[in-house]
Amino acid sequence: MVDAILAARGLRRRIVLVLPNSAGVPFVVAATDLIATLPSRIVKGLASVPNVRVPTPPLSDVEVTPHMFWHRRTHTTPLQAWLRAVIKDIAVGI
């Protein structure tokens, strides 16, 4: 989504690192000259991290719709169904 917005302005990112989740982002940003693009919910907690600066983004807020995917063989598995329901309840409350 970010890339599409930038492309519309004639810009593009140079991605040098991809992490499996956002937990390590503050450490990487604090120890390097890299920047990160993150959802606002995550960024709110980073303002107090040493060596991390959180500027106002130059892009407008983007609405992202979350999706869950699973293999059809686990569709009726009770534990899988329970976990999907818990994740859905948490996501609805955010």
PDB file of N, CA and C in Angstrom:
ATOM      1  N   MET A   1       0.812  -1.185   0.000  1.00  0.00           N
ATOM      2  CA  MET A   1       0.000   0.000   0.000  1.00  0.00           C
ATOM      3  C   MET A   1       0.868   1.268   0.000  1.00  0.00           C
ATOM      4  N   VAL A   2       1.892   1.268   0.819  1.00  0.00           N
ATOM      5  CA  VAL A   2       2.795   2.418   0.871  1.00  0.00           C
ATOM      6  C   VAL A   2       3.461   2.621  -0.483  1.00  0.00           C
ATOM      7  N   ASP A   3       3.877   1.520  -1.097  1.00  0.00           N
ATOM      8  CA  ASP A   3       4.539   1.615  -2.397  1.00  0.00           C
ATOM      9  C   ASP A   3       3.612   2.193  -3.461  1.00  0.00           C
ATOM     10  N   ALA A   4       2.341   1.845  -3.436  1.00  0.00           N
ATOM     11  CA  ALA A   4       1.382   2.388  -4.405  1.00  0.00           C
ATOM     12  C   ALA A   4       1.207   3.894  -4.225  1.00  0.00           C
ATOM     13  N   ILE A   5       1.144   4.356  -2.981  1.00  0.00           N
ATOM     14  CA  ILE A   5       1.003   5.786  -2.699  1.00  0.00           C
ATOM     15  C   ILE A   5       2.242   6.538  -3.177  1.00  0.00           C
ATOM     16  N   LEU A   6       3.419   5.990  -2.875  1.00  0.00           N
ATOM     17  CA  LEU A   6       4.653   6.630  -3.310  1.00  0.00           C
ATOM     18  C   LEU A   6       4.768   6.639  -4.840  1.00  0.00           C
ATOM     19  N   ALA A   7       4.407   5.530  -5.474  1.00  0.00           N
ATOM     20  CA  ALA A   7       4.496   5.449  -6.937  1.00  0.00           C
ATOM     21  C   ALA A   7       3.618   6.498  -7.595  1.00  0.00           C
ATOM     22  N   ALA A   8       2.455   6.761  -7.013  1.00  0.00           N
ATOM     23  CA  ALA A   8       1.560   7.787  -7.561  1.00  0.00           C
ATOM     24  C   ALA A   8       2.208   9.175  -7.508  1.00  0.00           C
ATOM     25  N   ARG A   9       3.176   9.353  -6.611  1.00  0.00           N
ATOM     26  CA  ARG A   9       3.905  10.624  -6.485  1.00  0.00           C
ATOM     27  C   ARG A   9       5.257  10.586  -7.208  1.00  0.00           C
ATOM     28  N   GLY A  10       5.496   9.486  -7.928  1.00  0.00           N
ATOM     29  CA  GLY A  10       6.756   9.353  -8.644  1.00  0.00           C
ATOM     30  C   GLY A  10       7.920   8.973  -7.749  1.00  0.00           C
ATOM     31  N   LEU A  11       7.640   8.383  -6.603  1.00  0.00           N
ATOM     32  CA  LEU A  11       8.671   8.006  -5.637  1.00  0.00           C
ATOM     33  C   LEU A  11       8.688   6.497  -5.446  1.00  0.00           C
ATOM     34  N   ARG A  12       9.780   5.999  -4.876  1.00  0.00           N
ATOM     35  CA  ARG A  12       9.823   4.583  -4.524  1.00  0.00           C
ATOM     36  C   ARG A  12      10.763   4.377  -3.348  1.00  0.00           C
ATOM     37  N   ARG A  13      10.515   3.304  -2.617  1.00  0.00           N
ATOM     38  CA  ARG A  13      11.364   2.977  -1.471  1.00  0.00           C
ATOM     39  C   ARG A  13      12.529   2.099  -1.923  1.00  0.00           C
ATOM     40  N   ARG A  14      13.617   2.171  -1.173  1.00  0.00           N
ATOM     41  CA  ARG A  14      14.727   1.240  -1.363  1.00  0.00           C
ATOM     42  C   ARG A  14      14.762   0.377  -0.109  1.00  0.00           C
ATOM     43  N   ILE A  15      14.208  -0.798  -0.214  1.00  0.00           N
ATOM     44  CA  ILE A  15      14.076  -1.689   0.945  1.00  0.00           C
ATOM     45  C   ILE A  15      15.370  -2.481   1.100  1.00  0.00           C
ATOM     46  N   VAL A  16      16.001  -2.351   2.262  1.00  0.00           N
ATOM     47  CA  VAL A  16      17.257  -3.050   2.515  1.00  0.00           C
ATOM     48  C   VAL A  16      17.126  -4.127   3.590  1.00  0.00           C
ATOM     49  N   LEU A  17      15.987  -4.157   4.282  1.00  0.00           N
ATOM     50  CA  LEU A  17      15.792  -5.137   5.341  1.00  0.00           C
ATOM     51  C   LEU A  17      14.305  -5.401   5.515  1.00  0.00           C
ATOM     52  N   VAL A  18      13.947  -6.661   5.643  1.00  0.00           N
ATOM     53  CA  VAL A  18      12.576  -7.056   5.928  1.00  0.00           C
ATOM     54  C   VAL A  18      12.627  -7.949   7.162  1.00  0.00           C
ATOM     55  N   LEU A  19      11.822  -7.620   8.164  1.00  0.00           N
ATOM     56  CA  LEU A  19      11.771  -8.399   9.393  1.00  0.00           C
ATOM     57  C   LEU A  19      10.495  -9.223   9.427  1.00  0.00           C
ATOM     58  N   PRO A  20      10.493 -10.361  10.138  1.00  0.00           N
ATOM     59  CA  PRO A  20       9.298 -11.208  10.188  1.00  0.00           C
ATOM     60  C   PRO A  20       8.144 -10.594  10.984  1.00  0.00           C
ATOM     61  N   ASN A  21       8.457  -9.635  11.856  1.00  0.00           N
ATOM     62  CA  ASN A  21       7.414  -8.932  12.608  1.00  0.00           C
ATOM     63  C   ASN A  21       7.975  -7.587  13.054  1.00  0.00           C
ATOM     64  N   SER A  22       7.158  -6.796  13.691  1.00  0.00           N
ATOM     65  CA  SER A  22       7.560  -5.436  14.049  1.00  0.00           C
ATOM     66  C   SER A  22       8.334  -5.345  15.364  1.00  0.00           C
ATOM     67  N   ALA A  23       8.489  -6.447  16.082  1.00  0.00           N
ATOM     68  CA  ALA A  23       9.130  -6.403  17.401  1.00  0.00           C
ATOM     69  C   ALA A  23      10.572  -5.903  17.345  1.00  0.00           C
ATOM     70  N   GLY A  24      11.297  -6.231  16.298  1.00  0.00           N
ATOM     71  CA  GLY A  24      12.697  -5.834  16.212  1.00  0.00           C
ATOM     72  C   GLY A  24      12.936  -4.479  15.577  1.00  0.00           C
ATOM     73  N   VAL A  25      11.896  -3.866  15.042  1.00  0.00           N
ATOM     74  CA  VAL A  25      12.058  -2.599  14.321  1.00  0.00           C
ATOM     75  C   VAL A  25      12.700  -1.502  15.160  1.00  0.00           C
ATOM     76  N   PRO A  26      12.259  -1.256  16.393  1.00  0.00           N
ATOM     77  CA  PRO A  26      12.889  -0.173  17.169  1.00  0.00           C
ATOM     78  C   PRO A  26      14.389  -0.382  17.357  1.00  0.00           C
ATOM     79  N   PHE A  27      14.811  -1.620  17.543  1.00  0.00           N
ATOM     80  CA  PHE A  27      16.229  -1.915  17.762  1.00  0.00           C
ATOM     81  C   PHE A  27      17.039  -1.656  16.490  1.00  0.00           C
ATOM     82  N   VAL A  28      16.493  -2.058  15.347  1.00  0.00           N
ATOM     83  CA  VAL A  28      17.186  -1.834  14.076  1.00  0.00           C
ATOM     84  C   VAL A  28      17.273  -0.346  13.773  1.00  0.00           C
ATOM     85  N   VAL A  29      16.166   0.362  13.935  1.00  0.00           N
ATOM     86  CA  VAL A  29      16.136   1.800  13.649  1.00  0.00           C
ATOM     87  C   VAL A  29      17.077   2.552  14.590  1.00  0.00           C
ATOM     88  N   ALA A  30      17.084   2.186  15.859  1.00  0.00           N
ATOM     89  CA  ALA A  30      17.935   2.874  16.834  1.00  0.00           C
ATOM     90  C   ALA A  30      19.422   2.648  16.583  1.00  0.00           C
ATOM     91  N   ALA A  31      19.773   1.516  15.985  1.00  0.00           N
ATOM     92  CA  ALA A  31      21.190   1.175  15.809  1.00  0.00           C
ATOM     93  C   ALA A  31      21.722   1.444  14.405  1.00  0.00           C
ATOM     94  N   THR A  32      20.874   1.934  13.505  1.00  0.00           N
ATOM     95  CA  THR A  32      21.297   2.149  12.115  1.00  0.00           C
ATOM     96  C   THR A  32      20.796   3.505  11.630  1.00  0.00           C
ATOM     97  N   ASP A  33      21.033   3.786  10.349  1.00  0.00           N
ATOM     98  CA  ASP A  33      20.483   4.999   9.752  1.00  0.00           C
ATOM     99  C   ASP A  33      19.238   4.673   8.922  1.00  0.00           C
ATOM    100  N   LEU A  34      18.632   3.511   9.169  1.00  0.00           N
ATOM    101  CA  LEU A  34      17.437   3.095   8.436  1.00  0.00           C
ATOM    102  C   LEU A  34      16.180   3.738   9.025  1.00  0.00           C
ATOM    103  N   ILE A  35      15.138   3.767   8.213  1.00  0.00           N
ATOM    104  CA  ILE A  35      13.826   4.220   8.665  1.00  0.00           C
ATOM    105  C   ILE A  35      12.847   3.071   8.464  1.00  0.00           C
ATOM    106  N   ALA A  36      11.686   3.179   9.062  1.00  0.00           N
ATOM    107  CA  ALA A  36      10.695   2.102   8.963  1.00  0.00           C
ATOM    108  C   ALA A  36       9.319   2.679   8.689  1.00  0.00           C
ATOM    109  N   THR A  37       8.523   1.898   8.008  1.00  0.00           N
ATOM    110  CA  THR A  37       7.122   2.227   7.782  1.00  0.00           C
ATOM    111  C   THR A  37       6.304   1.250   8.610  1.00  0.00           C
ATOM    112  N   LEU A  38       5.533   1.784   9.552  1.00  0.00           N
ATOM    113  CA  LEU A  38       4.771   0.946  10.465  1.00  0.00           C
ATOM    114  C   LEU A  38       3.359   1.479  10.646  1.00  0.00           C
ATOM    115  N   PRO A  39       2.423   0.616  11.039  1.00  0.00           N
ATOM    116  CA  PRO A  39       1.073   1.077  11.372  1.00  0.00           C
ATOM    117  C   PRO A  39       1.107   2.032  12.566  1.00  0.00           C
ATOM    118  N   SER A  40       0.201   2.989  12.585  1.00  0.00           N
ATOM    119  CA  SER A  40       0.181   4.004  13.638  1.00  0.00           C
ATOM    120  C   SER A  40       0.010   3.404  15.027  1.00  0.00           C
ATOM    121  N   ARG A  41      -0.709   2.291  15.148  1.00  0.00           N
ATOM    122  CA  ARG A  41      -0.897   1.664  16.459  1.00  0.00           C
ATOM    123  C   ARG A  41       0.429   1.217  17.059  1.00  0.00           C
ATOM    124  N   ILE A  42       1.340   0.780  16.218  1.00  0.00           N
ATOM    125  CA  ILE A  42       2.649   0.337  16.690  1.00  0.00           C
ATOM    126  C   ILE A  42       3.535   1.540  16.974  1.00  0.00           C
ATOM    127  N   VAL A  43       3.475   2.543  16.120  1.00  0.00           N
ATOM    128  CA  VAL A  43       4.322   3.728  16.249  1.00  0.00           C
ATOM    129  C   VAL A  43       4.051   4.480  17.541  1.00  0.00           C
ATOM    130  N   LYS A  44       2.817   4.503  18.000  1.00  0.00           N
ATOM    131  CA  LYS A  44       2.478   5.245  19.224  1.00  0.00           C
ATOM    132  C   LYS A  44       3.334   4.827  20.408  1.00  0.00           C
ATOM    133  N   GLY A  45       3.712   3.566  20.462  1.00  0.00           N
ATOM    134  CA  GLY A  45       4.518   3.080  21.572  1.00  0.00           C
ATOM    135  C   GLY A  45       6.006   3.293  21.399  1.00  0.00           C
ATOM    136  N   LEU A  46       6.428   3.832  20.265  1.00  0.00           N
ATOM    137  CA  LEU A  46       7.855   3.982  19.993  1.00  0.00           C
ATOM    138  C   LEU A  46       8.404   5.367  20.281  1.00  0.00           C
ATOM    139  N   ALA A  47       7.564   6.317  20.544  1.00  0.00           N
ATOM    140  CA  ALA A  47       8.008   7.699  20.730  1.00  0.00           C
ATOM    141  C   ALA A  47       8.994   7.847  21.887  1.00  0.00           C
ATOM    142  N   SER A  48       8.932   6.969  22.873  1.00  0.00           N
ATOM    143  CA  SER A  48       9.817   7.090  24.040  1.00  0.00           C
ATOM    144  C   SER A  48      11.065   6.212  23.934  1.00  0.00           C
ATOM    145  N   VAL A  49      11.246   5.511  22.832  1.00  0.00           N
ATOM    146  CA  VAL A  49      12.414   4.642  22.661  1.00  0.00           C
ATOM    147  C   VAL A  49      13.646   5.506  22.363  1.00  0.00           C
ATOM    148  N   PRO A  50      14.739   5.320  23.107  1.00  0.00           N
ATOM    149  CA  PRO A  50      15.949   6.115  22.860  1.00  0.00           C
ATOM    150  C   PRO A  50      16.476   5.913  21.431  1.00  0.00           C
ATOM    151  N   ASN A  51      16.957   6.978  20.841  1.00  0.00           N
ATOM    152  CA  ASN A  51      17.531   6.979  19.494  1.00  0.00           C
ATOM    153  C   ASN A  51      16.519   6.697  18.387  1.00  0.00           C
ATOM    154  N   VAL A  52      15.235   6.785  18.693  1.00  0.00           N
ATOM    155  CA  VAL A  52      14.194   6.603  17.676  1.00  0.00           C
ATOM    156  C   VAL A  52      13.357   7.866  17.632  1.00  0.00           C
ATOM    157  N   ARG A  53      13.246   8.449  16.462  1.00  0.00           N
ATOM    158  CA  ARG A  53      12.451   9.662  16.286  1.00  0.00           C
ATOM    159  C   ARG A  53      11.216   9.299  15.481  1.00  0.00           C
ATOM    160  N   VAL A  54      10.054   9.769  15.893  1.00  0.00           N
ATOM    161  CA  VAL A  54       8.794   9.469  15.213  1.00  0.00           C
ATOM    162  C   VAL A  54       8.219  10.771  14.664  1.00  0.00           C
ATOM    163  N   PRO A  55       8.536  11.102  13.406  1.00  0.00           N
ATOM    164  CA  PRO A  55       8.003  12.334  12.809  1.00  0.00           C
ATOM    165  C   PRO A  55       6.581  12.137  12.303  1.00  0.00           C
ATOM    166  N   THR A  56       5.911  13.221  12.023  1.00  0.00           N
ATOM    167  CA  THR A  56       4.589  13.151  11.399  1.00  0.00           C
ATOM    168  C   THR A  56       4.772  12.675   9.960  1.00  0.00           C
ATOM    169  N   PRO A  57       4.070  11.633   9.554  1.00  0.00           N
ATOM    170  CA  PRO A  57       4.278  11.102   8.204  1.00  0.00           C
ATOM    171  C   PRO A  57       3.766  12.062   7.125  1.00  0.00           C
ATOM    172  N   PRO A  58       4.456  12.094   5.982  1.00  0.00           N
ATOM    173  CA  PRO A  58       4.031  12.969   4.890  1.00  0.00           C
ATOM    174  C   PRO A  58       2.877  12.381   4.085  1.00  0.00           C
ATOM    175  N   LEU A  59       2.484  11.162   4.403  1.00  0.00           N
ATOM    176  CA  LEU A  59       1.393  10.496   3.686  1.00  0.00           C
ATOM    177  C   LEU A  59       0.133  10.494   4.538  1.00  0.00           C
ATOM    178  N   SER A  60      -1.003  10.504   3.880  1.00  0.00           N
ATOM    179  CA  SER A  60      -2.261  10.445   4.623  1.00  0.00           C
ATOM    180  C   SER A  60      -2.441   9.039   5.192  1.00  0.00           C
ATOM    181  N   ASP A  61      -3.274   8.930   6.228  1.00  0.00           N
ATOM    182  CA  ASP A  61      -3.555   7.625   6.819  1.00  0.00           C
ATOM    183  C   ASP A  61      -4.194   6.708   5.787  1.00  0.00           C
ATOM    184  N   VAL A  62      -3.839   5.445   5.880  1.00  0.00           N
ATOM    185  CA  VAL A  62      -4.351   4.441   4.953  1.00  0.00           C
ATOM    186  C   VAL A  62      -5.125   3.408   5.746  1.00  0.00           C
ATOM    187  N   GLU A  63      -6.320   3.110   5.314  1.00  0.00           N
ATOM    188  CA  GLU A  63      -7.140   2.086   5.959  1.00  0.00           C
ATOM    189  C   GLU A  63      -6.734   0.725   5.418  1.00  0.00           C
ATOM    190  N   VAL A  64      -6.384  -0.189   6.323  1.00  0.00           N
ATOM    191  CA  VAL A  64      -5.980  -1.536   5.928  1.00  0.00           C
ATOM    192  C   VAL A  64      -6.985  -2.527   6.493  1.00  0.00           C
ATOM    193  N   THR A  65      -7.467  -3.400   5.651  1.00  0.00           N
ATOM    194  CA  THR A  65      -8.412  -4.428   6.071  1.00  0.00           C
ATOM    195  C   THR A  65      -7.663  -5.726   6.326  1.00  0.00           C
ATOM    196  N   PRO A  66      -7.687  -6.218   7.570  1.00  0.00           N
ATOM    197  CA  PRO A  66      -6.972  -7.471   7.852  1.00  0.00           C
ATOM    198  C   PRO A  66      -7.730  -8.682   7.309  1.00  0.00           C
ATOM    199  N   HIS A  67      -6.984  -9.714   6.977  1.00  0.00           N
ATOM    200  CA  HIS A  67      -7.564 -10.964   6.479  1.00  0.00           C
ATOM    201  C   HIS A  67      -6.888 -12.135   7.168  1.00  0.00           C
ATOM    202  N   MET A  68      -7.626 -13.211   7.340  1.00  0.00           N
ATOM    203  CA  MET A  68      -7.046 -14.454   7.853  1.00  0.00           C
ATOM    204  C   MET A  68      -7.177 -15.512   6.757  1.00  0.00           C
ATOM    205  N   PHE A  69      -6.152 -16.342   6.651  1.00  0.00           N
ATOM    206  CA  PHE A  69      -6.161 -17.437   5.690  1.00  0.00           C
ATOM    207  C   PHE A  69      -5.772 -18.715   6.404  1.00  0.00           C
ATOM    208  N   TRP A  70      -6.396 -19.821   6.033  1.00  0.00           N
ATOM    209  CA  TRP A  70      -6.039 -21.103   6.616  1.00  0.00           C
ATOM    210  C   TRP A  70      -6.337 -22.189   5.602  1.00  0.00           C
ATOM    211  N   HIS A  71      -5.707 -23.327   5.826  1.00  0.00           N
ATOM    212  CA  HIS A  71      -5.887 -24.468   4.922  1.00  0.00           C
ATOM    213  C   HIS A  71      -7.252 -25.089   5.165  1.00  0.00           C
ATOM    214  N   ARG A  72      -7.879 -25.552   4.107  1.00  0.00           N
ATOM    215  CA  ARG A  72      -9.239 -26.100   4.238  1.00  0.00           C
ATOM    216  C   ARG A  72      -9.288 -27.309   5.160  1.00  0.00           C
ATOM    217  N   ARG A  73      -8.189 -28.063   5.272  1.00  0.00           N
ATOM    218  CA  ARG A  73      -8.220 -29.245   6.141  1.00  0.00           C
ATOM    219  C   ARG A  73      -8.330 -28.873   7.615  1.00  0.00           C
ATOM    220  N   THR A  74      -7.982 -27.627   7.970  1.00  0.00           N
ATOM    221  CA  THR A  74      -8.087 -27.211   9.373  1.00  0.00           C
ATOM    222  C   THR A  74      -9.346 -26.391   9.647  1.00  0.00           C
ATOM    223  N   HIS A  75     -10.201 -26.261   8.637  1.00  0.00           N
ATOM    224  CA  HIS A  75     -11.392 -25.413   8.788  1.00  0.00           C
ATOM    225  C   HIS A  75     -12.293 -25.869   9.935  1.00  0.00           C
ATOM    226  N   THR A  76     -12.441 -27.177  10.117  1.00  0.00           N
ATOM    227  CA  THR A  76     -13.345 -27.685  11.166  1.00  0.00           C
ATOM    228  C   THR A  76     -12.604 -28.188  12.405  1.00  0.00           C
ATOM    229  N   THR A  77     -11.289 -28.044  12.442  1.00  0.00           N
ATOM    230  CA  THR A  77     -10.526 -28.452  13.618  1.00  0.00           C
ATOM    231  C   THR A  77     -10.906 -27.532  14.779  1.00  0.00           C
ATOM    232  N   PRO A  78     -11.375 -28.105  15.899  1.00  0.00           N
ATOM    233  CA  PRO A  78     -11.851 -27.263  17.008  1.00  0.00           C
ATOM    234  C   PRO A  78     -10.825 -26.240  17.507  1.00  0.00           C
ATOM    235  N   LEU A  79      -9.585 -26.638  17.683  1.00  0.00           N
ATOM    236  CA  LEU A  79      -8.582 -25.702  18.181  1.00  0.00           C
ATOM    237  C   LEU A  79      -8.339 -24.581  17.175  1.00  0.00           C
ATOM    238  N   GLN A  80      -8.267 -24.913  15.901  1.00  0.00           N
ATOM    239  CA  GLN A  80      -8.071 -23.901  14.865  1.00  0.00           C
ATOM    240  C   GLN A  80      -9.260 -22.945  14.810  1.00  0.00           C
ATOM    241  N   ALA A  81     -10.467 -23.494  14.890  1.00  0.00           N
ATOM    242  CA  ALA A  81     -11.667 -22.647  14.864  1.00  0.00           C
ATOM    243  C   ALA A  81     -11.684 -21.708  16.070  1.00  0.00           C
ATOM    244  N   TRP A  82     -11.305 -22.229  17.242  1.00  0.00           N
ATOM    245  CA  TRP A  82     -11.248 -21.400  18.446  1.00  0.00           C
ATOM    246  C   TRP A  82     -10.231 -20.278  18.278  1.00  0.00           C
ATOM    247  N   LEU A  83      -9.031 -20.616  17.785  1.00  0.00           N
ATOM    248  CA  LEU A  83      -7.986 -19.618  17.617  1.00  0.00           C
ATOM    249  C   LEU A  83      -8.412 -18.531  16.636  1.00  0.00           C
ATOM    250  N   ARG A  84      -9.032 -18.906  15.533  1.00  0.00           N
ATOM    251  CA  ARG A  84      -9.515 -17.906  14.567  1.00  0.00           C
ATOM    252  C   ARG A  84     -10.554 -16.993  15.213  1.00  0.00           C
ATOM    253  N   ALA A  85     -11.434 -17.565  16.029  1.00  0.00           N
ATOM    254  CA  ALA A  85     -12.462 -16.759  16.699  1.00  0.00           C
ATOM    255  C   ALA A  85     -11.834 -15.775  17.682  1.00  0.00           C
ATOM    256  N   VAL A  86     -10.819 -16.216  18.419  1.00  0.00           N
ATOM    257  CA  VAL A  86     -10.131 -15.335  19.368  1.00  0.00           C
ATOM    258  C   VAL A  86      -9.444 -14.195  18.621  1.00  0.00           C
ATOM    259  N   ILE A  87      -8.745 -14.524  17.546  1.00  0.00           N
ATOM    260  CA  ILE A  87      -8.061 -13.499  16.754  1.00  0.00           C
ATOM    261  C   ILE A  87      -9.075 -12.505  16.192  1.00  0.00           C
ATOM    262  N   LYS A  88     -10.190 -12.998  15.699  1.00  0.00           N
ATOM    263  CA  LYS A  88     -11.224 -12.123  15.154  1.00  0.00           C
ATOM    264  C   LYS A  88     -11.778 -11.197  16.246  1.00  0.00           C
ATOM    265  N   ASP A  89     -12.051 -11.747  17.434  1.00  0.00           N
ATOM    266  CA  ASP A  89     -12.573 -10.916  18.529  1.00  0.00           C
ATOM    267  C   ASP A  89     -11.590  -9.822  18.930  1.00  0.00           C
ATOM    268  N   ILE A  90     -10.315 -10.170  18.968  1.00  0.00           N
ATOM    269  CA  ILE A  90      -9.300  -9.182  19.321  1.00  0.00           C
ATOM    270  C   ILE A  90      -9.224  -8.099  18.247  1.00  0.00           C
ATOM    271  N   ALA A  91      -9.224  -8.530  16.994  1.00  0.00           N
ATOM    272  CA  ALA A  91      -9.119  -7.569  15.877  1.00  0.00           C
ATOM    273  C   ALA A  91     -10.315  -6.628  15.825  1.00  0.00           C
ATOM    274  N   VAL A  92     -11.489  -7.119  16.122  1.00  0.00           N
ATOM    275  CA  VAL A  92     -12.691  -6.280  16.115  1.00  0.00           C
ATOM    276  C   VAL A  92     -12.614  -5.228  17.211  1.00  0.00           C
ATOM    277  N   GLY A  93     -11.985  -5.577  18.328  1.00  0.00           N
ATOM    278  CA  GLY A  93     -11.883  -4.641  19.442  1.00  0.00           C
ATOM    279  C   GLY A  93     -10.814  -3.586  19.294  1.00  0.00           C
ATOM    280  N   ILE A  94      -9.969  -3.697  18.285  1.00  0.00           N
ATOM    281  CA  ILE A  94      -8.874  -2.733  18.110  1.00  0.00           C
ATOM    282  C   ILE A  94      -9.353  -1.479  17.443  1.00  0.00           C
TER     283      ILE A  94
END
